[in-house]
Protein backbone atom coordinates (compact mmCIF):
# COMPACT_ATOMS: atom_id res chain seq x y z
CA MET A 1 169.71 273.45 315.18
CA ARG A 2 171.45 270.24 314.15
CA ARG A 3 168.36 269.31 312.20
CA ALA A 4 168.44 272.57 310.18
CA ALA A 5 172.09 271.96 309.30
CA GLY A 6 171.23 268.46 308.13
CA HIS A 7 168.48 269.81 305.87
CA ARG A 8 170.89 272.31 304.32
CA ILE A 9 173.40 269.56 303.59
CA GLY A 10 170.68 267.35 302.12
CA LEU A 11 169.37 270.19 299.98
CA GLY A 12 172.88 271.01 298.80
CA LEU A 13 173.42 267.37 297.84
CA ILE A 14 170.18 267.31 295.82
CA VAL A 15 171.11 270.53 293.99
CA CYS A 16 174.58 269.13 293.29
CA LEU A 17 173.13 265.86 291.94
CA LEU A 18 170.64 267.70 289.75
CA ASP A 19 173.36 269.97 288.43
CA THR A 20 175.52 267.01 287.37
CA ALA A 21 172.70 264.78 286.08
CA PRO A 22 173.19 263.86 282.43
CA MET A 23 171.08 265.90 280.03
CA ALA A 24 168.82 264.13 277.56
CA GLU A 25 170.19 263.75 274.06
CA PRO A 26 168.91 266.42 271.70
CA LEU A 27 166.30 265.29 269.19
CA SER A 28 167.62 264.33 265.78
CA GLY A 29 166.46 266.12 262.65
CA GLU A 30 164.33 263.10 261.82
CA ALA A 31 162.67 263.21 265.26
CA LEU A 32 162.10 266.95 264.93
CA PHE A 33 160.47 266.36 261.52
CA ALA A 34 158.19 263.78 263.12
CA VAL A 35 157.19 266.25 265.83
CA ALA A 36 156.94 269.49 263.84
CA CYS A 37 156.25 268.60 260.20
CA GLU A 38 155.07 265.05 259.54
CA ALA A 39 151.41 265.67 260.30
CA CYS A 40 151.19 267.95 257.25
CA HIS A 41 154.17 267.02 255.05
CA SER A 42 155.71 263.90 253.54
CA LEU A 43 159.23 263.43 252.25
CA GLY A 44 158.06 261.97 248.94
CA PRO A 45 158.55 263.71 245.59
CA GLU A 46 154.85 264.10 244.69
CA PRO A 47 151.87 265.73 246.41
CA ASP A 48 149.85 263.22 248.41
CA HIS A 49 146.87 263.35 250.73
CA ARG A 50 148.58 265.66 253.22
CA ILE A 51 147.72 269.32 253.65
CA GLY A 52 151.26 270.55 252.86
CA PRO A 53 153.56 269.91 249.92
CA PRO A 54 156.15 267.13 250.04
CA LEU A 55 159.53 268.21 251.41
CA GLY A 56 161.80 265.65 249.78
CA GLY A 57 164.42 267.19 247.48
CA LEU A 58 163.92 270.59 249.10
CA HIS A 59 167.50 271.91 248.86
CA GLY A 60 167.88 274.27 245.92
CA ARG A 61 164.24 273.94 244.91
CA LYS A 62 162.30 277.09 244.05
CA ALA A 63 159.61 277.89 246.62
CA ALA A 64 156.18 276.79 245.38
CA GLY A 65 157.96 274.45 242.99
CA VAL A 66 156.08 271.16 243.37
CA ARG A 67 153.74 270.68 240.42
CA GLY A 68 150.19 269.84 241.38
CA PHE A 69 150.24 271.52 244.79
CA GLY A 70 148.13 274.64 245.40
CA TYR A 71 150.51 277.18 246.91
CA SER A 72 149.53 280.61 248.19
CA PRO A 73 150.05 283.54 245.82
CA ALA A 74 152.50 285.01 248.36
CA LEU A 75 154.76 281.95 248.24
CA GLN A 76 154.47 281.74 244.44
CA ALA A 77 155.56 285.38 244.13
CA SER A 78 158.34 285.16 246.73
CA GLY A 79 161.17 284.18 244.41
CA TRP A 80 162.65 282.13 247.25
CA VAL A 81 164.93 279.16 246.74
CA TRP A 82 165.25 276.70 249.63
CA THR A 83 168.71 277.10 251.14
CA LEU A 84 169.78 276.90 254.78
CA PRO A 85 169.13 280.62 255.51
CA THR A 86 165.71 280.67 253.80
CA THR A 87 164.65 277.38 255.39
CA VAL A 88 165.67 278.53 258.88
CA ALA A 89 163.85 281.86 258.36
CA TRP A 90 160.73 280.03 257.13
CA LEU A 91 160.71 277.50 259.96
CA SER A 92 161.40 280.19 262.57
CA ASP A 93 158.41 282.32 261.56
CA PRO A 94 156.69 281.70 258.22
CA ASP A 95 154.45 284.76 258.58
CA ALA A 96 157.42 287.08 259.08
CA ALA A 97 159.42 285.38 256.32
CA ILE A 98 156.69 285.60 253.67
CA PRO A 99 153.60 287.50 254.80
CA ASN A 100 150.20 286.20 253.67
CA ASN A 101 151.43 282.67 253.05
CA ALA A 102 149.06 279.77 253.67
CA MET A 103 151.13 277.72 256.11
CA ASN A 104 149.52 277.64 259.54
CA TYR A 105 152.57 276.92 261.71
CA VAL A 106 153.82 278.31 264.99
CA ASN A 107 157.37 277.26 265.77
CA ALA A 108 157.72 275.79 269.26
CA LEU A 109 161.31 274.67 268.65
CA SER A 110 164.43 276.34 270.00
CA ALA A 111 166.73 278.15 267.57
CA GLU A 112 169.14 275.19 267.77
CA GLU A 113 166.36 272.69 267.03
CA THR A 114 165.12 274.83 264.13
CA GLN A 115 168.64 274.89 262.68
CA ARG A 116 169.01 271.11 263.11
CA LEU A 117 165.62 270.48 261.48
CA ALA A 118 166.46 272.78 258.54
CA GLU A 119 169.82 271.05 257.98
CA TRP A 120 168.16 267.63 258.10
CA LEU A 121 165.32 268.64 255.75
CA LEU A 122 167.74 270.04 253.18
CA ALA A 123 169.73 266.79 253.21
CA GLN A 124 166.70 264.64 252.31
CA PRO A 125 166.61 263.36 248.71
């Protein structure tokens, strides 16, 4: 019986320690870009060897607006301009945002991470 009580106290102490353990710092926008975007996109101003268009200077740019990149007809016809709401919608679910687009991306980020990434992307020159 004493042993069972000791186990409960030990278990309670572990739960208490886990509950008060410091949480890891959230990933920065730059780190989120590296994880979610960098394999396909650069931050340069011109198309390069990557599969997606460059994302530098995104804020206020018309969707499908980089000369020399082959965008889908759906994105070309969208009329979108990259702002915080459109960027968050796009990153959250590109297929829902603009059906029949060519971006093959499934968002594995939380809503908070998606927001942070969108804010960071729009701030890049």
